[in-house]
Each structure stands twice: as C-alpha cells, then as structure tokens.
Amino acid sequence: MKKEKNGKYLAEFVYGGTDGAVTTFAVVAGAIGASLSSAVILILGFANLFADGFSMAVSNYLSVKSERELHARHGHIKLERKNPLKTAIATFLSFFIIGLVPLIFFVLALIFPDLENSKFTYSIILTACAFAFVGFVKGDIVGNNRIKSSIETLLIGSLAASIAYLVGFILKGLLI
C-alpha cells in the first residue's frame, strides 16, 4: 500500500516559495537590467526577503484566521482547519529559503572575487532550479507528473523574471 504524503501546508510552500524566488529574482534581474551595483542588489534583495516575506506571512495569517472566523460565525463545518500561525510560518520560511536562492552567488562573489563576472548567470541557473524544485515537490505531493509540474513552475517563474529584467532595462534611462 502506498503511503500518502502530507500536503497540509503545500499551498503555503508553493505560494511562498514561488513568490520568494520571483520577487527576489525580480530585484536581481531588474537591478542588473538597470546596471545597478551588486551592493544595491544585496540591500534590496535582503530587504525584500525580510519585508515581503513578513508581509506575506502576516497576510496569510490574517486570511486563514478570517476564514476560520467566518466559518465559525456561520456554523459551517470545515473538514480541514489550518492553524493560522503555522500557515504564516510555513509561508515565511518557504518564501525566505527559496527566495534566498537568487542572492546566493551575489553573496559568494563578496567572498570569492572570481565569481564576480558570472554571478548573474549562476543566479539565473539557481533560480531556475528553485522554480523546478518547487514544482517537483508540488507534483510529488499531489501525485501529478513531477517533471511536468517542474516545467510549469519554471516557465511561469521565468516569465515573471523576464518581465523584471525587461522593466529594469527599459527604465535604466531614468538613472541620469
């Protein structure tokens, strides 16, 4: 008999992880597109990780809490009741951990100067791997094709990342 995988916080993992990678890579790609420095990328990237991750966690907490209150007030029976605090923590952790991926080589380039010229390329590769990982885990837990799920998440994340780079590139002229 096949053991069922627990997907209780899958939504928070997928939502938090995908958004963490997208928004942090958007900072990286937008800043690279605008020809900003690595220092600016790291400052904005880490500010994004903490502030946006916290914002998403708080929003998740309030959303789940509101849903529980609504169902309790109207006497609806809910099959699965998620703990608002646990969903907030799951959202923040997945956002932060997966969202850290696009910044790894920018941090490593501070320690290993030989990485300076290739840090954006490595950031793209690692971020693509992060998107694929989130999709793979999602596919595995829900019982879908893991490769197809990985590709889907990779394509959606890559589209968002491309938009960020393009916007940075277009708006770079404002930095006069």
Foldseek 3Di string as FASTA:
>chain_A
DDDADDCPLLVLLLVLQLVLLLVLLLLVLLCVLLVHDLVSSVVVSVCCLPPVLQVVLVVQLVVLVVVVVVCVVVVHDDPDRDHSNVSSVSNSVSSNVSNCQLCVLSVVCVVVVVCVVPSNVNSLVRSLVSQLVSQLVVCVNVVHDSNVSSVVSSVVSVVSSVVSNVVSNVCSVVPD
